[in-house]
């Protein structure tokens, strides 16, 4: 049963990514808007919606109490998570979501590096996973098996995924001292506070958000709310999968399937001309998926 829950989890996250593509490409912002206006409009919506996610989580679970140590880790993890979101939405301005999302799995490599720094070890299987994942990421970026200088997609994704791997590492450490549900709750609360701060202090972000509220109010807020609903539901199934799986790492390994799901969704329901799926992208996603599986099940 854990396998079914894990599949539902990654599929719902792929749906979230699909909606992100819609939010990025289907907007009413003025022609040639500032890049910060475009990124900020979605980033503020995504972060502020976390208040609703936190309220829903508290209503359902009633688990919100944390000791000081896991609370601090949850707060810091929210900061690194928003940093990753900003990079993610920045990349979506230039590249389709099915090309960006699979590269998120580079975080598995960074997470392994962090674990090595804290006394962990690596096996030949894990090393093979790194090679497969990074080669798949390169193919996804370049679109060819031949060597060429990587584009900014790969060059930005590599450091950006470090922030996501730090987020995952902090959450794992916090889970040693507190409930994962409570950690997620305070992560959402902190993310919402960050979104509020961005709205107040970052002018371009606020202008982009308010412009889309004015010209796309129902559609923009509706899609953002739908995204948060899918994200919360995905988290629920992820928690169920981790609770039932014989080894928690098996659920993490399933995250590699997310890139494959988003490519399949884009193939069936292309949003625009840029979301056309190529054979090389499919091959790259399969290599990345295999790499994640080897790394997580080492």
Protein backbone atom coordinates (compact mmCIF):
# COMPACT_ATOMS: atom_id res chain seq x y z
CA UNK A 1 0.00 0.00 0.00
CA UNK A 2 2.90 2.40 0.72
CA UNK A 3 3.91 2.17 -2.94
CA UNK A 4 0.47 3.35 -4.08
CA UNK A 5 0.57 6.25 -1.61
CA UNK A 6 4.06 7.21 -2.84
CA UNK A 7 2.91 7.15 -6.48
CA UNK A 8 -0.08 9.37 -5.64
CA UNK A 9 2.28 11.74 -3.81
CA UNK A 10 4.67 12.22 -6.75
CA UNK A 11 1.80 12.40 -9.26
CA UNK A 12 0.11 15.19 -7.31
CA UNK A 13 3.41 17.07 -7.15
CA UNK A 14 3.66 16.72 -10.94
CA UNK A 15 0.18 18.26 -11.16
CA UNK A 16 1.44 21.14 -8.98
CA UNK A 17 4.32 21.62 -11.44
CA UNK A 18 1.86 21.58 -14.35
CA UNK A 19 -0.15 24.34 -12.66
CA UNK A 20 3.06 26.30 -12.09
CA UNK A 21 3.62 26.27 -15.85
CA UNK A 22 0.11 27.63 -16.36
CA UNK A 23 0.70 30.38 -13.79
CA UNK A 24 3.97 31.39 -15.44
CA UNK A 25 2.88 31.40 -19.08
CA UNK A 26 -0.75 32.51 -18.80
CA UNK A 27 -0.48 35.98 -17.29
CA UNK A 28 -1.74 39.48 -18.06
CA UNK A 29 1.39 41.35 -17.07
CA UNK A 30 2.43 44.24 -19.37
CA UNK A 31 4.65 43.38 -22.34
CA UNK A 32 8.34 43.02 -21.41
CA UNK A 33 7.79 43.28 -17.65
CA UNK A 34 10.69 43.31 -15.23
CA UNK A 35 11.85 39.74 -14.44
CA UNK A 36 11.40 40.43 -10.72
CA UNK A 37 7.79 41.48 -11.33
CA UNK A 38 7.07 38.19 -13.10
CA UNK A 39 8.82 36.02 -10.49
CA UNK A 40 7.50 37.99 -7.54
CA UNK A 41 3.84 37.74 -8.59
CA UNK A 42 3.95 33.93 -8.33
CA UNK A 43 6.36 33.74 -5.39
CA UNK A 44 4.20 35.97 -3.19
CA UNK A 45 1.05 34.04 -4.12
CA UNK A 46 2.75 30.71 -3.34
CA UNK A 47 4.16 31.86 0.00
CA UNK A 48 1.00 33.60 1.23
CA UNK A 49 -1.09 30.54 0.37
CA UNK A 50 1.00 28.66 2.95
CA UNK A 51 -1.03 30.40 5.68
CA UNK A 52 -4.10 28.59 4.37
CA UNK A 53 -2.15 25.33 4.19
CA UNK A 54 -1.05 25.74 7.81
CA UNK A 55 -4.61 26.48 8.94
CA UNK A 56 -5.90 23.39 7.12
CA UNK A 57 -3.13 21.22 8.57
CA UNK A 58 -3.87 22.42 12.09
CA UNK A 59 -7.60 21.84 11.62
CA UNK A 60 -7.05 18.26 10.46
CA UNK A 61 -4.19 17.09 12.69
CA UNK A 62 -4.19 19.42 15.76
CA UNK A 63 -0.42 18.69 15.97
CA UNK A 64 1.55 21.96 16.18
CA UNK A 65 3.69 21.77 19.35
CA UNK A 66 7.49 21.69 18.92
CA UNK A 67 10.45 22.07 21.24
CA UNK A 68 12.94 24.88 20.60
CA UNK A 69 15.52 22.88 18.61
CA UNK A 70 13.22 21.41 15.92
CA UNK A 71 11.36 24.76 15.82
CA UNK A 72 14.57 26.61 14.90
CA UNK A 73 15.39 24.03 12.26
CA UNK A 74 11.87 24.28 10.80
CA UNK A 75 12.17 28.08 10.57
CA UNK A 76 15.59 27.94 8.89
CA UNK A 77 14.38 25.25 6.48
CA UNK A 78 11.53 27.55 5.41
CA UNK A 79 14.05 30.27 4.53
CA UNK A 80 16.11 27.93 2.34
CA UNK A 81 12.91 26.53 0.82
CA UNK A 82 11.71 29.98 -0.28
CA UNK A 83 15.18 30.62 -1.71
CA UNK A 84 14.77 27.51 -3.83
CA UNK A 85 11.26 28.53 -4.90
CA UNK A 86 12.61 31.88 -6.09
CA UNK A 87 15.24 30.10 -8.22
CA UNK A 88 12.62 27.66 -9.52
CA UNK A 89 10.23 30.41 -10.61
CA UNK A 90 13.13 32.33 -12.14
CA UNK A 91 14.09 29.32 -14.27
CA UNK A 92 10.47 28.85 -15.35
CA UNK A 93 10.61 32.27 -17.01
CA UNK A 94 13.06 30.82 -19.54
CA UNK A 95 12.54 27.05 -19.57
CA UNK A 96 9.46 24.76 -19.55
CA UNK A 97 8.57 23.08 -16.27
CA UNK A 98 9.24 19.56 -17.59
CA UNK A 99 12.83 20.61 -18.24
CA UNK A 100 13.29 22.31 -14.87
CA UNK A 101 11.60 19.91 -12.44
CA UNK A 102 13.71 16.78 -13.12
CA UNK A 103 16.84 18.82 -12.34
CA UNK A 104 15.51 19.26 -8.82
CA UNK A 105 16.73 15.71 -8.23
CA UNK A 106 20.31 17.04 -8.21
CA UNK A 107 19.41 17.79 -4.59
CA UNK A 108 19.88 14.04 -3.94
CA UNK A 109 23.55 14.45 -4.82
CA UNK A 110 23.92 17.52 -2.60
CA UNK A 111 22.13 15.71 0.23
CA UNK A 112 24.57 12.83 -0.08
CA UNK A 113 27.50 15.29 0.04
CA UNK A 114 26.07 16.91 3.20
CA UNK A 115 25.67 13.47 4.80
CA UNK A 116 29.31 12.65 3.92
CA UNK A 117 30.41 15.87 5.64
CA UNK A 118 28.58 14.69 8.78
CA UNK A 119 30.25 11.28 8.80
CA UNK A 120 28.17 9.36 6.28
CA UNK A 121 29.52 7.01 3.64
CA UNK A 122 28.94 6.22 -0.02
CA UNK A 123 28.76 2.87 -1.81
CA UNK A 124 29.48 1.95 -5.43
CA UNK A 125 25.71 1.87 -6.00
CA UNK A 126 25.42 5.43 -4.70
CA UNK A 127 28.34 6.53 -6.89
CA UNK A 128 26.68 4.95 -9.93
CA UNK A 129 23.49 6.82 -9.03
CA UNK A 130 25.36 10.15 -8.98
CA UNK A 131 26.86 9.47 -12.43
CA UNK A 132 23.51 8.51 -13.94
CA UNK A 133 21.69 11.46 -12.37
CA UNK A 134 24.24 14.09 -13.41
CA UNK A 135 24.53 12.68 -16.93
CA UNK A 136 20.74 12.70 -17.25
CA UNK A 137 20.68 16.30 -15.99
CA UNK A 138 23.29 17.26 -18.59
CA UNK A 139 21.28 15.62 -21.42
CA UNK A 140 18.10 17.34 -20.26
CA UNK A 141 19.93 20.66 -20.38
CA UNK A 142 21.88 20.23 -23.63
CA UNK A 143 19.50 17.97 -25.58
CA UNK A 144 22.38 15.85 -26.86
CA UNK A 145 24.70 13.02 -25.80
CA UNK A 146 27.69 15.00 -27.12
CA UNK A 147 29.71 17.31 -24.93
CA UNK A 148 28.99 21.01 -25.02
CA UNK A 149 29.07 23.82 -22.50
CA UNK A 150 25.98 23.60 -20.25
CA UNK A 151 23.39 26.35 -20.47
CA UNK A 152 22.29 28.55 -17.59
CA UNK A 153 19.53 26.03 -16.82
CA UNK A 154 22.11 23.52 -15.59
CA UNK A 155 24.48 26.15 -14.18
CA UNK A 156 21.70 27.74 -12.07
CA UNK A 157 20.00 24.46 -11.14
CA UNK A 158 23.17 23.02 -9.56
CA UNK A 159 23.61 25.74 -6.87
CA UNK A 160 19.84 26.28 -6.55
CA UNK A 161 19.24 22.65 -5.62
CA UNK A 162 21.78 23.05 -2.82
CA UNK A 163 19.23 25.23 -1.03
CA UNK A 164 16.59 22.54 -1.46
CA UNK A 165 18.93 19.82 -0.18
CA UNK A 166 19.69 21.96 2.89
CA UNK A 167 15.94 22.23 3.42
CA UNK A 168 15.55 18.45 3.28
CA UNK A 169 18.53 17.90 5.57
CA UNK A 170 17.22 20.35 8.17
CA UNK A 171 13.78 18.74 8.11
CA UNK A 172 15.32 15.28 8.56
CA UNK A 173 17.34 16.52 11.55
CA UNK A 174 14.31 18.29 13.03
CA UNK A 175 12.30 15.06 12.70
CA UNK A 176 14.72 13.42 15.14
CA UNK A 177 13.34 15.67 17.91
CA UNK A 178 9.78 16.44 16.85
CA UNK A 179 6.69 15.49 14.88
CA UNK A 180 7.03 15.80 11.09
CA UNK A 181 3.52 17.22 10.94
CA UNK A 182 4.34 19.95 13.47
CA UNK A 183 7.59 20.69 11.63
CA UNK A 184 5.69 21.07 8.38
CA UNK A 185 3.13 23.30 10.10
CA UNK A 186 5.77 25.76 11.36
CA UNK A 187 7.55 25.56 8.02
CA UNK A 188 4.31 26.72 6.37
CA UNK A 189 3.77 29.48 8.94
CA UNK A 190 7.33 30.79 8.44
CA UNK A 191 6.96 30.62 4.67
CA UNK A 192 3.78 32.67 4.90
CA UNK A 193 5.55 35.27 7.07
CA UNK A 194 8.36 35.46 4.50
CA UNK A 195 5.76 35.99 1.79
CA UNK A 196 4.20 38.81 3.81
CA UNK A 197 7.63 40.41 4.25
CA UNK A 198 8.31 40.14 0.50
CA UNK A 199 4.96 41.80 -0.22
CA UNK A 200 5.71 44.69 2.13
CA UNK A 201 9.40 45.32 1.39
CA UNK A 202 10.07 44.18 -2.21
CA UNK A 203 8.40 46.71 -4.50
CA UNK A 204 8.67 44.82 -7.80
CA UNK A 205 7.29 41.66 -6.24
CA UNK A 206 4.34 43.56 -4.77
CA UNK A 207 3.64 45.35 -8.07
CA UNK A 208 3.58 42.08 -10.01
CA UNK A 209 1.31 40.40 -7.46
CA UNK A 210 -1.15 43.30 -7.30
CA UNK A 211 -1.23 43.66 -11.10
CA UNK A 212 -2.21 40.01 -11.52
CA UNK A 213 -4.80 40.28 -8.74
CA UNK A 214 -6.33 43.25 -10.55
CA UNK A 215 -6.31 41.75 -14.06
CA UNK A 216 -6.54 38.00 -13.34
CA UNK A 217 -8.04 37.93 -9.87
CA UNK A 218 -10.21 34.81 -9.88
CA UNK A 219 -8.09 32.75 -12.26
CA UNK A 220 -4.78 33.67 -10.61
CA UNK A 221 -5.97 33.11 -7.05
CA UNK A 222 -7.96 30.03 -8.06
CA UNK A 223 -4.95 28.32 -9.62
CA UNK A 224 -2.77 29.30 -6.66
CA UNK A 225 -5.34 27.87 -4.24
CA UNK A 226 -5.64 24.71 -6.34
CA UNK A 227 -1.87 24.34 -6.21
CA UNK A 228 -1.83 24.62 -2.43
CA UNK A 229 -4.61 22.03 -2.16
CA UNK A 230 -2.73 19.55 -4.34
CA UNK A 231 0.47 20.25 -2.41
CA UNK A 232 -1.21 19.60 0.96
CA UNK A 233 -2.83 16.41 -0.33
CA UNK A 234 0.52 15.28 -1.72
CA UNK A 235 2.12 15.83 1.68
CA UNK A 236 -0.59 13.71 3.31
CA UNK A 237 0.08 10.78 0.97
CA UNK A 238 3.83 11.22 1.42
CA UNK A 239 3.41 10.94 5.20
CA UNK A 240 1.27 7.82 4.83
CA UNK A 241 3.83 6.26 2.50
CA UNK A 242 6.73 6.97 4.89
CA UNK A 243 4.74 5.54 7.81
CA UNK A 244 3.97 2.28 5.96
CA UNK A 245 7.14 1.74 3.91
CA UNK A 246 9.63 -0.84 5.24
CA UNK A 247 12.41 1.74 4.71
CA UNK A 248 11.72 5.50 4.49
CA UNK A 249 14.40 5.89 1.80
CA UNK A 250 12.17 3.91 -0.57
CA UNK A 251 9.70 6.80 -0.58
CA UNK A 252 12.50 9.28 -1.28
CA UNK A 253 13.63 7.10 -4.18
CA UNK A 254 10.15 7.40 -5.67
CA UNK A 255 10.66 11.17 -6.04
CA UNK A 256 12.65 10.47 -9.18
CA UNK A 257 9.40 9.43 -10.88
CA UNK A 258 8.05 12.98 -10.54
CA UNK A 259 10.05 14.23 -13.52
CA UNK A 260 8.70 11.36 -15.61
CA UNK A 261 5.14 12.18 -14.56
CA UNK A 262 5.44 15.86 -15.51
CA UNK A 263 6.86 14.91 -18.91
CA UNK A 264 3.93 12.53 -19.43
CA UNK A 265 1.42 15.22 -18.41
CA UNK A 266 3.04 17.75 -20.76
CA UNK A 267 2.98 15.21 -23.57
CA UNK A 268 -0.76 14.61 -23.07
CA UNK A 269 -1.74 18.19 -22.22
CA UNK A 270 0.79 20.64 -23.73
CA UNK A 271 0.33 24.14 -22.31
CA UNK A 272 2.16 26.00 -25.08
CA UNK A 273 4.69 25.50 -27.87
CA UNK A 274 7.58 25.44 -25.40
CA UNK A 275 6.15 22.43 -23.54
CA UNK A 276 6.59 20.06 -26.48
CA UNK A 277 8.30 16.90 -25.17
CA UNK A 278 11.29 15.48 -27.04
CA UNK A 279 12.77 11.99 -27.04
CA UNK A 280 16.01 13.27 -25.46
CA UNK A 281 14.07 14.80 -22.57
CA UNK A 282 12.34 11.48 -21.93
CA UNK A 283 15.68 9.62 -21.96
CA UNK A 284 17.16 12.21 -19.60
CA UNK A 285 14.23 11.87 -17.18
CA UNK A 286 14.65 8.08 -17.13
CA UNK A 287 18.38 8.41 -16.37
CA UNK A 288 17.66 10.91 -13.57
CA UNK A 289 14.99 8.60 -12.14
CA UNK A 290 17.41 5.66 -12.14
CA UNK A 291 20.10 7.82 -10.53
CA UNK A 292 17.80 8.92 -7.71
CA UNK A 293 16.74 5.32 -7.10
CA UNK A 294 20.35 4.13 -6.79
CA UNK A 295 21.32 7.06 -4.52
CA UNK A 296 18.36 6.71 -2.16
CA UNK A 297 18.48 2.89 -1.97
CA UNK A 298 22.27 2.63 -1.58
